[in-house]
Amino acid sequence: TSRAMALPGVLKVFTHENRPSTAKLDFSYNDQDAPPGSPFRP
């Protein structure tokens, strides 16, 4: 992400390597219309 971050005005590039911590269980990513399984986690 170095070339992108070098641009003035770019605040951050979020990836799987530097994202903030989020819930660990599948249950937390479920919603009112979620089918059985493991919901996608961006």
PDB file of all heavy atoms in Angstrom:
ATOM      1  N   THR A   1       0.809  -1.218   0.000  1.00  0.00           N
ATOM      2  CA  THR A   1       0.000   0.000   0.000  1.00  0.00           C
ATOM      3  C   THR A   1       0.843   1.269   0.000  1.00  0.00           C
ATOM      4  O   THR A   1       0.305   2.369   0.120  1.00  0.00           O
ATOM      5  CB  THR A   1      -0.914   0.012   1.234  1.00  0.00           C
ATOM      6  OG1 THR A   1      -0.096   0.072   2.427  1.00  0.00           O
ATOM      7  CG2 THR A   1      -1.789  -1.235   1.289  1.00  0.00           C
ATOM      8  N   SER A   2       2.148   1.127  -0.147  1.00  0.00           N
ATOM      9  CA  SER A   2       3.049   2.273   0.033  1.00  0.00           C
ATOM     10  C   SER A   2       2.799   3.391  -0.972  1.00  0.00           C
ATOM     11  O   SER A   2       2.833   4.575  -0.619  1.00  0.00           O
ATOM     12  CB  SER A   2       4.504   1.810  -0.051  1.00  0.00           C
ATOM     13  OG  SER A   2       4.768   1.184  -1.300  1.00  0.00           O
ATOM     14  N   ARG A   3       2.540   3.035  -2.229  1.00  0.00           N
ATOM     15  CA  ARG A   3       2.328   4.086  -3.235  1.00  0.00           C
ATOM     16  C   ARG A   3       1.035   4.849  -2.955  1.00  0.00           C
ATOM     17  O   ARG A   3       0.971   6.068  -3.145  1.00  0.00           O
ATOM     18  CB  ARG A   3       2.283   3.487  -4.626  1.00  0.00           C
ATOM     19  CG  ARG A   3       3.628   2.950  -5.132  1.00  0.00           C
ATOM     20  CD  ARG A   3       3.602   2.743  -6.639  1.00  0.00           C
ATOM     21  NE  ARG A   3       2.589   1.765  -7.040  1.00  0.00           N
ATOM     22  CZ  ARG A   3       1.990   1.755  -8.226  1.00  0.00           C
ATOM     23  NH1 ARG A   3       2.268   2.690  -9.118  1.00  0.00           N
ATOM     24  NH2 ARG A   3       1.100   0.807  -8.519  1.00  0.00           N
ATOM     25  N   ALA A   4       0.016   4.151  -2.509  1.00  0.00           N
ATOM     26  CA  ALA A   4      -1.239   4.816  -2.184  1.00  0.00           C
ATOM     27  C   ALA A   4      -1.079   5.711  -0.961  1.00  0.00           C
ATOM     28  O   ALA A   4      -1.553   6.855  -0.935  1.00  0.00           O
ATOM     29  CB  ALA A   4      -2.326   3.778  -1.934  1.00  0.00           C
ATOM     30  N   MET A   5      -0.393   5.219   0.050  1.00  0.00           N
ATOM     31  CA  MET A   5      -0.228   5.979   1.283  1.00  0.00           C
ATOM     32  C   MET A   5       0.673   7.202   1.101  1.00  0.00           C
ATOM     33  O   MET A   5       0.625   8.138   1.903  1.00  0.00           O
ATOM     34  CB  MET A   5       0.342   5.076   2.376  1.00  0.00           C
ATOM     35  CG  MET A   5      -0.647   4.056   2.930  1.00  0.00           C
ATOM     36  SD  MET A   5      -2.114   4.828   3.654  1.00  0.00           S
ATOM     37  CE  MET A   5      -1.385   5.793   4.974  1.00  0.00           C
ATOM     38  N   ALA A   6       1.469   7.213   0.049  1.00  0.00           N
ATOM     39  CA  ALA A   6       2.365   8.344  -0.207  1.00  0.00           C
ATOM     40  C   ALA A   6       1.617   9.567  -0.722  1.00  0.00           C
ATOM     41  O   ALA A   6       2.162  10.679  -0.724  1.00  0.00           O
ATOM     42  CB  ALA A   6       3.443   7.935  -1.209  1.00  0.00           C
ATOM     43  N   LEU A   7       0.389   9.380  -1.145  1.00  0.00           N
ATOM     44  CA  LEU A   7      -0.383  10.500  -1.675  1.00  0.00           C
ATOM     45  C   LEU A   7      -0.906  11.366  -0.534  1.00  0.00           C
ATOM     46  O   LEU A   7      -1.523  10.862   0.406  1.00  0.00           O
ATOM     47  CB  LEU A   7      -1.568   9.988  -2.496  1.00  0.00           C
ATOM     48  CG  LEU A   7      -1.246   9.241  -3.790  1.00  0.00           C
ATOM     49  CD1 LEU A   7      -2.527   8.716  -4.419  1.00  0.00           C
ATOM     50  CD2 LEU A   7      -0.534  10.175  -4.772  1.00  0.00           C
ATOM     51  N   PRO A   8      -0.700  12.671  -0.584  1.00  0.00           N
ATOM     52  CA  PRO A   8      -1.270  13.567   0.436  1.00  0.00           C
ATOM     53  C   PRO A   8      -2.795  13.484   0.424  1.00  0.00           C
ATOM     54  O   PRO A   8      -3.424  13.533  -0.631  1.00  0.00           O
ATOM     55  CB  PRO A   8      -0.796  14.961  -0.020  1.00  0.00           C
ATOM     56  CG  PRO A   8       0.395  14.700  -0.881  1.00  0.00           C
ATOM     57  CD  PRO A   8       0.136  13.396  -1.561  1.00  0.00           C
ATOM     58  N   GLY A   9      -3.374  13.334   1.579  1.00  0.00           N
ATOM     59  CA  GLY A   9      -4.821  13.239   1.673  1.00  0.00           C
ATOM     60  C   GLY A   9      -5.339  11.829   1.841  1.00  0.00           C
ATOM     61  O   GLY A   9      -6.508  11.629   2.184  1.00  0.00           O
ATOM     62  N   VAL A  10      -4.487  10.821   1.586  1.00  0.00           N
ATOM     63  CA  VAL A  10      -4.878   9.435   1.843  1.00  0.00           C
ATOM     64  C   VAL A  10      -4.661   9.164   3.331  1.00  0.00           C
ATOM     65  O   VAL A  10      -3.557   9.344   3.853  1.00  0.00           O
ATOM     66  CB  VAL A  10      -4.077   8.444   0.983  1.00  0.00           C
ATOM     67  CG1 VAL A  10      -4.386   7.006   1.409  1.00  0.00           C
ATOM     68  CG2 VAL A  10      -4.401   8.633  -0.487  1.00  0.00           C
ATOM     69  N   LEU A  11      -5.703   8.744   4.004  1.00  0.00           N
ATOM     70  CA  LEU A  11      -5.641   8.578   5.452  1.00  0.00           C
ATOM     71  C   LEU A  11      -5.194   7.185   5.868  1.00  0.00           C
ATOM     72  O   LEU A  11      -4.393   7.030   6.789  1.00  0.00           O
ATOM     73  CB  LEU A  11      -7.011   8.884   6.063  1.00  0.00           C
ATOM     74  CG  LEU A  11      -7.552  10.292   5.778  1.00  0.00           C
ATOM     75  CD1 LEU A  11      -8.944  10.453   6.357  1.00  0.00           C
ATOM     76  CD2 LEU A  11      -6.610  11.350   6.347  1.00  0.00           C
ATOM     77  N   LYS A  12      -5.711   6.169   5.195  1.00  0.00           N
ATOM     78  CA  LYS A  12      -5.332   4.805   5.551  1.00  0.00           C
ATOM     79  C   LYS A  12      -5.845   3.839   4.494  1.00  0.00           C
ATOM     80  O   LYS A  12      -6.863   4.079   3.845  1.00  0.00           O
ATOM     81  CB  LYS A  12      -5.909   4.417   6.919  1.00  0.00           C
ATOM     82  CG  LYS A  12      -5.356   3.114   7.502  1.00  0.00           C
ATOM     83  CD  LYS A  12      -5.710   2.962   8.973  1.00  0.00           C
ATOM     84  CE  LYS A  12      -5.095   1.707   9.581  1.00  0.00           C
ATOM     85  NZ  LYS A  12      -5.364   1.589  11.034  1.00  0.00           N
ATOM     86  N   VAL A  13      -5.109   2.744   4.329  1.00  0.00           N
ATOM     87  CA  VAL A  13      -5.559   1.639   3.494  1.00  0.00           C
ATOM     88  C   VAL A  13      -5.779   0.446   4.425  1.00  0.00           C
ATOM     89  O   VAL A  13      -4.832  -0.092   4.995  1.00  0.00           O
ATOM     90  CB  VAL A  13      -4.538   1.287   2.399  1.00  0.00           C
ATOM     91  CG1 VAL A  13      -5.067   0.116   1.566  1.00  0.00           C
ATOM     92  CG2 VAL A  13      -4.253   2.490   1.507  1.00  0.00           C
ATOM     93  N   PHE A  14      -7.027   0.057   4.578  1.00  0.00           N
ATOM     94  CA  PHE A  14      -7.366  -1.060   5.455  1.00  0.00           C
ATOM     95  C   PHE A  14      -7.294  -2.367   4.676  1.00  0.00           C
ATOM     96  O   PHE A  14      -7.833  -2.489   3.569  1.00  0.00           O
ATOM     97  CB  PHE A  14      -8.780  -0.888   6.010  1.00  0.00           C
ATOM     98  CG  PHE A  14      -8.935   0.260   6.974  1.00  0.00           C
ATOM     99  CD1 PHE A  14      -9.257   1.532   6.508  1.00  0.00           C
ATOM    100  CD2 PHE A  14      -8.766   0.071   8.332  1.00  0.00           C
ATOM    101  CE1 PHE A  14      -9.408   2.593   7.387  1.00  0.00           C
ATOM    102  CE2 PHE A  14      -8.917   1.120   9.227  1.00  0.00           C
ATOM    103  CZ  PHE A  14      -9.235   2.393   8.753  1.00  0.00           C
ATOM    104  N   THR A  15      -6.636  -3.352   5.253  1.00  0.00           N
ATOM    105  CA  THR A  15      -6.544  -4.688   4.668  1.00  0.00           C
ATOM    106  C   THR A  15      -6.740  -5.715   5.781  1.00  0.00           C
ATOM    107  O   THR A  15      -6.914  -5.356   6.954  1.00  0.00           O
ATOM    108  CB  THR A  15      -5.180  -4.921   4.002  1.00  0.00           C
ATOM    109  OG1 THR A  15      -4.175  -5.048   5.024  1.00  0.00           O
ATOM    110  CG2 THR A  15      -4.811  -3.772   3.061  1.00  0.00           C
ATOM    111  N   HIS A  16      -6.650  -6.990   5.427  1.00  0.00           N
ATOM    112  CA  HIS A  16      -6.759  -8.024   6.458  1.00  0.00           C
ATOM    113  C   HIS A  16      -5.571  -7.987   7.414  1.00  0.00           C
ATOM    114  O   HIS A  16      -5.636  -8.537   8.520  1.00  0.00           O
ATOM    115  CB  HIS A  16      -6.861  -9.408   5.818  1.00  0.00           C
ATOM    116  CG  HIS A  16      -5.611  -9.862   5.140  1.00  0.00           C
ATOM    117  ND1 HIS A  16      -5.239  -9.445   3.878  1.00  0.00           N
ATOM    118  CD2 HIS A  16      -4.621 -10.695   5.552  1.00  0.00           C
ATOM    119  CE1 HIS A  16      -4.093 -10.006   3.544  1.00  0.00           C
ATOM    120  NE2 HIS A  16      -3.699 -10.772   4.544  1.00  0.00           N
ATOM    121  N   GLU A  17      -4.501  -7.322   6.995  1.00  0.00           N
ATOM    122  CA  GLU A  17      -3.292  -7.287   7.813  1.00  0.00           C
ATOM    123  C   GLU A  17      -3.348  -6.229   8.911  1.00  0.00           C
ATOM    124  O   GLU A  17      -2.671  -6.359   9.940  1.00  0.00           O
ATOM    125  CB  GLU A  17      -2.072  -7.037   6.921  1.00  0.00           C
ATOM    126  CG  GLU A  17      -1.814  -8.151   5.913  1.00  0.00           C
ATOM    127  CD  GLU A  17      -0.653  -7.857   4.984  1.00  0.00           C
ATOM    128  OE1 GLU A  17      -0.293  -6.664   4.834  1.00  0.00           O
ATOM    129  OE2 GLU A  17      -0.104  -8.810   4.396  1.00  0.00           O
ATOM    130  N   ASN A  18      -4.132  -5.172   8.707  1.00  0.00           N
ATOM    131  CA  ASN A  18      -4.113  -4.081   9.684  1.00  0.00           C
ATOM    132  C   ASN A  18      -5.503  -3.660  10.164  1.00  0.00           C
ATOM    133  O   ASN A  18      -5.649  -2.631  10.816  1.00  0.00           O
ATOM    134  CB  ASN A  18      -3.398  -2.856   9.095  1.00  0.00           C
ATOM    135  CG  ASN A  18      -4.176  -2.231   7.947  1.00  0.00           C
ATOM    136  OD1 ASN A  18      -5.120  -2.816   7.434  1.00  0.00           O
ATOM    137  ND2 ASN A  18      -3.760  -1.037   7.527  1.00  0.00           N
ATOM    138  N   ARG A  19      -6.508  -4.450   9.830  1.00  0.00           N
ATOM    139  CA  ARG A  19      -7.862  -4.051  10.234  1.00  0.00           C
ATOM    140  C   ARG A  19      -8.005  -4.152  11.743  1.00  0.00           C
ATOM    141  O   ARG A  19      -7.331  -4.960  12.407  1.00  0.00           O
ATOM    142  CB  ARG A  19      -8.898  -4.943   9.554  1.00  0.00           C
ATOM    143  CG  ARG A  19      -8.826  -6.404  10.005  1.00  0.00           C
ATOM    144  CD  ARG A  19     -10.068  -7.182   9.612  1.00  0.00           C
ATOM    145  NE  ARG A  19      -9.948  -8.590   9.984  1.00  0.00           N
ATOM    146  CZ  ARG A  19     -10.205  -9.061  11.191  1.00  0.00           C
ATOM    147  NH1 ARG A  19     -10.572  -8.236  12.158  1.00  0.00           N
ATOM    148  NH2 ARG A  19     -10.085 -10.352  11.458  1.00  0.00           N
ATOM    149  N   PRO A  20      -8.898  -3.342  12.312  1.00  0.00           N
ATOM    150  CA  PRO A  20      -9.168  -3.448  13.755  1.00  0.00           C
ATOM    151  C   PRO A  20      -9.787  -4.801  14.094  1.00  0.00           C
ATOM    152  O   PRO A  20     -10.372  -5.474  13.247  1.00  0.00           O
ATOM    153  CB  PRO A  20     -10.171  -2.313  14.006  1.00  0.00           C
ATOM    154  CG  PRO A  20     -10.006  -1.384  12.860  1.00  0.00           C
ATOM    155  CD  PRO A  20      -9.624  -2.233  11.693  1.00  0.00           C
ATOM    156  N   SER A  21      -9.679  -5.183  15.336  1.00  0.00           N
ATOM    157  CA  SER A  21     -10.243  -6.451  15.788  1.00  0.00           C
ATOM    158  C   SER A  21     -11.768  -6.391  15.777  1.00  0.00           C
ATOM    159  O   SER A  21     -12.374  -5.385  16.155  1.00  0.00           O
ATOM    160  CB  SER A  21      -9.749  -6.767  17.201  1.00  0.00           C
ATOM    161  OG  SER A  21     -10.322  -7.959  17.675  1.00  0.00           O
ATOM    162  N   THR A  22     -12.368  -7.482  15.320  1.00  0.00           N
ATOM    163  CA  THR A  22     -13.838  -7.591  15.303  1.00  0.00           C
ATOM    164  C   THR A  22     -14.233  -8.922  15.931  1.00  0.00           C
ATOM    165  O   THR A  22     -13.388  -9.716  16.332  1.00  0.00           O
ATOM    166  CB  THR A  22     -14.386  -7.494  13.870  1.00  0.00           C
ATOM    167  OG1 THR A  22     -13.730  -8.470  13.048  1.00  0.00           O
ATOM    168  CG2 THR A  22     -14.154  -6.106  13.287  1.00  0.00           C
ATOM    169  N   ALA A  23     -15.533  -9.169  15.985  1.00  0.00           N
ATOM    170  CA  ALA A  23     -16.056 -10.378  16.627  1.00  0.00           C
ATOM    171  C   ALA A  23     -15.474 -11.635  15.997  1.00  0.00           C
ATOM    172  O   ALA A  23     -15.177 -11.672  14.802  1.00  0.00           O
ATOM    173  CB  ALA A  23     -17.575 -10.393  16.542  1.00  0.00           C
ATOM    174  N   LYS A  24     -15.359 -12.687  16.790  1.00  0.00           N
ATOM    175  CA  LYS A  24     -14.734 -13.923  16.333  1.00  0.00           C
ATOM    176  C   LYS A  24     -15.748 -15.004  15.959  1.00  0.00           C
ATOM    177  O   LYS A  24     -15.457 -15.884  15.152  1.00  0.00           O
ATOM    178  CB  LYS A  24     -13.781 -14.458  17.408  1.00  0.00           C
ATOM    179  CG  LYS A  24     -12.650 -13.502  17.769  1.00  0.00           C
ATOM    180  CD  LYS A  24     -11.705 -14.121  18.763  1.00  0.00           C
ATOM    181  CE  LYS A  24     -10.616 -13.139  19.197  1.00  0.00           C
ATOM    182  NZ  LYS A  24      -9.852 -12.606  18.056  1.00  0.00           N
ATOM    183  N   LEU A  25     -16.947 -14.971  16.530  1.00  0.00           N
ATOM    184  CA  LEU A  25     -17.919 -16.033  16.322  1.00  0.00           C
ATOM    185  C   LEU A  25     -18.818 -15.741  15.127  1.00  0.00           C
ATOM    186  O   LEU A  25     -19.189 -14.591  14.866  1.00  0.00           O
ATOM    187  CB  LEU A  25     -18.778 -16.222  17.572  1.00  0.00           C
ATOM    188  CG  LEU A  25     -18.034 -16.609  18.862  1.00  0.00           C
ATOM    189  CD1 LEU A  25     -19.017 -16.690  20.017  1.00  0.00           C
ATOM    190  CD2 LEU A  25     -17.303 -17.932  18.680  1.00  0.00           C
ATOM    191  N   ASP A  26     -19.197 -16.800  14.411  1.00  0.00           N
ATOM    192  CA  ASP A  26     -20.116 -16.657  13.284  1.00  0.00           C
ATOM    193  C   ASP A  26     -21.418 -15.996  13.718  1.00  0.00           C
ATOM    194  O   ASP A  26     -22.005 -15.203  12.969  1.00  0.00           O
ATOM    195  CB  ASP A  26     -20.440 -18.035  12.677  1.00  0.00           C
ATOM    196  CG  ASP A  26     -19.324 -18.550  11.785  1.00  0.00           C
ATOM    197  OD1 ASP A  26     -18.510 -17.725  11.322  1.00  0.00           O
ATOM    198  OD2 ASP A  26     -19.263 -19.769  11.560  1.00  0.00           O
ATOM    199  N   PHE A  27     -21.871 -16.327  14.908  1.00  0.00           N
ATOM    200  CA  PHE A  27     -23.140 -15.797  15.398  1.00  0.00           C
ATOM    201  C   PHE A  27     -23.192 -14.273  15.316  1.00  0.00           C
ATOM    202  O   PHE A  27     -24.233 -13.686  15.016  1.00  0.00           O
ATOM    203  CB  PHE A  27     -23.370 -16.259  16.845  1.00  0.00           C
ATOM    204  CG  PHE A  27     -24.566 -15.629  17.493  1.00  0.00           C
ATOM    205  CD1 PHE A  27     -25.842 -16.125  17.253  1.00  0.00           C
ATOM    206  CD2 PHE A  27     -24.420 -14.535  18.336  1.00  0.00           C
ATOM    207  CE1 PHE A  27     -26.960 -15.534  17.847  1.00  0.00           C
ATOM    208  CE2 PHE A  27     -25.524 -13.940  18.929  1.00  0.00           C
ATOM    209  CZ  PHE A  27     -26.799 -14.442  18.690  1.00  0.00           C
ATOM    210  N   SER A  28     -22.069 -13.646  15.587  1.00  0.00           N
ATOM    211  CA  SER A  28     -22.033 -12.183  15.614  1.00  0.00           C
ATOM    212  C   SER A  28     -22.251 -11.578  14.233  1.00  0.00           C
ATOM    213  O   SER A  28     -22.648 -10.415  14.117  1.00  0.00           O
ATOM    214  CB  SER A  28     -20.692 -11.706  16.192  1.00  0.00           C
ATOM    215  OG  SER A  28     -20.516 -12.184  17.511  1.00  0.00           O
ATOM    216  N   TYR A  29     -21.975 -12.336  13.187  1.00  0.00           N
ATOM    217  CA  TYR A  29     -22.111 -11.823  11.820  1.00  0.00           C
ATOM    218  C   TYR A  29     -23.457 -12.207  11.204  1.00  0.00           C
ATOM    219  O   TYR A  29     -23.741 -11.851  10.061  1.00  0.00           O
ATOM    220  CB  TYR A  29     -20.974 -12.360  10.948  1.00  0.00           C
ATOM    221  CG  TYR A  29     -19.619 -11.820  11.346  1.00  0.00           C
ATOM    222  CD1 TYR A  29     -18.901 -12.383  12.399  1.00  0.00           C
ATOM    223  CD2 TYR A  29     -19.047 -10.736  10.679  1.00  0.00           C
ATOM    224  CE1 TYR A  29     -17.663 -11.893  12.787  1.00  0.00           C
ATOM    225  CE2 TYR A  29     -17.805 -10.234  11.053  1.00  0.00           C
ATOM    226  CZ  TYR A  29     -17.119 -10.819  12.110  1.00  0.00           C
ATOM    227  OH  TYR A  29     -15.899 -10.324  12.479  1.00  0.00           O
ATOM    228  N   ASN A  30     -24.264 -12.925  11.962  1.00  0.00           N
ATOM    229  CA  ASN A  30     -25.587 -13.272  11.464  1.00  0.00           C
ATOM    230  C   ASN A  30     -26.494 -12.049  11.442  1.00  0.00           C
ATOM    231  O   ASN A  30     -26.239 -11.053  12.128  1.00  0.00           O
ATOM    232  CB  ASN A  30     -26.225 -14.358  12.331  1.00  0.00           C
ATOM    233  CG  ASN A  30     -25.753 -15.747  11.944  1.00  0.00           C
ATOM    234  OD1 ASN A  30     -25.414 -15.985  10.794  1.00  0.00           O
ATOM    235  ND2 ASN A  30     -25.736 -16.661  12.898  1.00  0.00           N
ATOM    236  N   ASP A  31     -27.559 -12.147  10.671  1.00  0.00           N
ATOM    237  CA  ASP A  31     -28.540 -11.076  10.603  1.00  0.00           C
ATOM    238  C   ASP A  31     -29.916 -11.703  10.472  1.00  0.00           C
ATOM    239  O   ASP A  31     -30.056 -12.928  10.473  1.00  0.00           O
ATOM    240  CB  ASP A  31     -28.239 -10.137   9.430  1.00  0.00           C
ATOM    241  CG  ASP A  31     -28.238 -10.862   8.094  1.00  0.00           C
ATOM    242  OD1 ASP A  31     -29.331 -11.038   7.534  1.00  0.00           O
ATOM    243  OD2 ASP A  31     -27.153 -11.254   7.608  1.00  0.00           O
ATOM    244  N   GLN A  32     -30.939 -10.877  10.328  1.00  0.00           N
ATOM    245  CA  GLN A  32     -32.312 -11.371  10.328  1.00  0.00           C
ATOM    246  C   GLN A  32     -32.646 -12.232   9.113  1.00  0.00           C
ATOM    247  O   GLN A  32     -33.650 -12.943   9.119  1.00  0.00           O
ATOM    248  CB  GLN A  32     -33.282 -10.188  10.402  1.00  0.00           C
ATOM    249  CG  GLN A  32     -33.226  -9.425  11.711  1.00  0.00           C
ATOM    250  CD  GLN A  32     -34.072  -8.162  11.700  1.00  0.00           C
ATOM    251  OE1 GLN A  32     -34.927  -7.972  10.834  1.00  0.00           O
ATOM    252  NE2 GLN A  32     -33.831  -7.277  12.655  1.00  0.00           N
ATOM    253  N   ASP A  33     -31.827 -12.187   8.078  1.00  0.00           N
ATOM    254  CA  ASP A  33     -32.093 -12.967   6.869  1.00  0.00           C
ATOM    255  C   ASP A  33     -30.966 -13.952   6.561  1.00  0.00           C
ATOM    256  O   ASP A  33     -30.880 -14.479   5.459  1.00  0.00           O
ATOM    257  CB  ASP A  33     -32.299 -12.025   5.669  1.00  0.00           C
ATOM    258  CG  ASP A  33     -32.946 -12.722   4.480  1.00  0.00           C
ATOM    259  OD1 ASP A  33     -33.880 -13.511   4.684  1.00  0.00           O
ATOM    260  OD2 ASP A  33     -32.498 -12.480   3.341  1.00  0.00           O
ATOM    261  N   ALA A  34     -30.103 -14.206   7.520  1.00  0.00           N
ATOM    262  CA  ALA A  34     -28.936 -15.056   7.275  1.00  0.00           C
ATOM    263  C   ALA A  34     -29.325 -16.525   7.149  1.00  0.00           C
ATOM    264  O   ALA A  34     -30.030 -17.056   8.008  1.00  0.00           O
ATOM    265  CB  ALA A  34     -27.919 -14.888   8.390  1.00  0.00           C
ATOM    266  N   PRO A  35     -28.861 -17.196   6.097  1.00  0.00           N
ATOM    267  CA  PRO A  35     -29.085 -18.638   5.985  1.00  0.00           C
ATOM    268  C   PRO A  35     -28.113 -19.401   6.883  1.00  0.00           C
ATOM    269  O   PRO A  35     -27.167 -18.808   7.429  1.00  0.00           O
ATOM    270  CB  PRO A  35     -28.808 -18.916   4.507  1.00  0.00           C
ATOM    271  CG  PRO A  35     -27.851 -17.846   4.100  1.00  0.00           C
ATOM    272  CD  PRO A  35     -28.169 -16.647   4.931  1.00  0.00           C
ATOM    273  N   PRO A  36     -28.320 -20.700   7.059  1.00  0.00           N
ATOM    274  CA  PRO A  36     -27.389 -21.487   7.875  1.00  0.00           C
ATOM    275  C   PRO A  36     -25.976 -21.460   7.277  1.00  0.00           C
ATOM    276  O   PRO A  36     -25.810 -21.455   6.059  1.00  0.00           O
ATOM    277  CB  PRO A  36     -27.975 -22.902   7.816  1.00  0.00           C
ATOM    278  CG  PRO A  36     -29.403 -22.720   7.448  1.00  0.00           C
ATOM    279  CD  PRO A  36     -29.450 -21.512   6.568  1.00  0.00           C
ATOM    280  N   GLY A  37     -24.978 -21.433   8.148  1.00  0.00           N
ATOM    281  CA  GLY A  37     -23.596 -21.452   7.677  1.00  0.00           C
ATOM    282  C   GLY A  37     -22.745 -20.410   8.362  1.00  0.00           C
ATOM    283  O   GLY A  37     -23.060 -19.942   9.467  1.00  0.00           O
ATOM    284  N   SER A  38     -21.678 -20.035   7.695  1.00  0.00           N
ATOM    285  CA  SER A  38     -20.722 -19.074   8.232  1.00  0.00           C
ATOM    286  C   SER A  38     -20.745 -17.815   7.370  1.00  0.00           C
ATOM    287  O   SER A  38     -20.240 -17.823   6.243  1.00  0.00           O
ATOM    288  CB  SER A  38     -19.310 -19.683   8.228  1.00  0.00           C
ATOM    289  OG  SER A  38     -18.360 -18.754   8.678  1.00  0.00           O
ATOM    290  N   PRO A  39     -21.351 -16.721   7.852  1.00  0.00           N
ATOM    291  CA  PRO A  39     -21.475 -15.517   7.033  1.00  0.00           C
ATOM    292  C   PRO A  39     -20.120 -14.966   6.595  1.00  0.00           C
ATOM    293  O   PRO A  39     -19.109 -15.116   7.297  1.00  0.00           O
ATOM    294  CB  PRO A  39     -22.186 -14.528   7.959  1.00  0.00           C
ATOM    295  CG  PRO A  39     -22.857 -15.374   8.984  1.00  0.00           C
ATOM    296  CD  PRO A  39     -21.972 -16.560   9.174  1.00  0.00           C
ATOM    297  N   PHE A  40     -20.108 -14.321   5.435  1.00  0.00           N
ATOM    298  CA  PHE A  40     -18.882 -13.712   4.924  1.00  0.00           C
ATOM    299  C   PHE A  40     -18.413 -12.604   5.865  1.00  0.00           C
ATOM    300  O   PHE A  40     -19.200 -11.784   6.332  1.00  0.00           O
ATOM    301  CB  PHE A  40     -19.120 -13.139   3.527  1.00  0.00           C
ATOM    302  CG  PHE A  40     -17.969 -12.323   3.010  1.00  0.00           C
ATOM    303  CD1 PHE A  40     -16.729 -12.911   2.786  1.00  0.00           C
ATOM    304  CD2 PHE A  40     -18.120 -10.971   2.758  1.00  0.00           C
ATOM    305  CE1 PHE A  40     -15.661 -12.164   2.322  1.00  0.00           C
ATOM    306  CE2 PHE A  40     -17.066 -10.212   2.288  1.00  0.00           C
ATOM    307  CZ  PHE A  40     -15.826 -10.805   2.071  1.00  0.00           C
ATOM    308  N   ARG A  41     -17.096 -12.590   6.127  1.00  0.00           N
ATOM    309  CA  ARG A  41     -16.496 -11.572   6.983  1.00  0.00           C
ATOM    310  C   ARG A  41     -15.507 -10.755   6.152  1.00  0.00           C
ATOM    311  O   ARG A  41     -14.443 -11.255   5.779  1.00  0.00           O
ATOM    312  CB  ARG A  41     -15.762 -12.206   8.153  1.00  0.00           C
ATOM    313  CG  ARG A  41     -16.593 -13.181   8.966  1.00  0.00           C
ATOM    314  CD  ARG A  41     -15.791 -13.690  10.147  1.00  0.00           C
ATOM    315  NE  ARG A  41     -16.468 -14.757  10.861  1.00  0.00           N
ATOM    316  CZ  ARG A  41     -16.057 -15.229  12.033  1.00  0.00           C
ATOM    317  NH1 ARG A  41     -14.972 -14.720  12.600  1.00  0.00           N
ATOM    318  NH2 ARG A  41     -16.721 -16.199  12.625  1.00  0.00           N
ATOM    319  N   PRO A  42     -15.819  -9.497   5.853  1.00  0.00           N
ATOM    320  CA  PRO A  42     -14.908  -8.685   5.042  1.00  0.00           C
ATOM    321  C   PRO A  42     -13.553  -8.505   5.730  1.00  0.00           C
ATOM    322  O   PRO A  42     -13.476  -8.311   6.948  1.00  0.00           O
ATOM    323  CB  PRO A  42     -15.642  -7.347   4.928  1.00  0.00           C
ATOM    324  CG  PRO A  42     -17.074  -7.670   5.198  1.00  0.00           C
ATOM    325  CD  PRO A  42     -17.057  -8.782   6.187  1.00  0.00           C
TER     326      PRO A  42
END
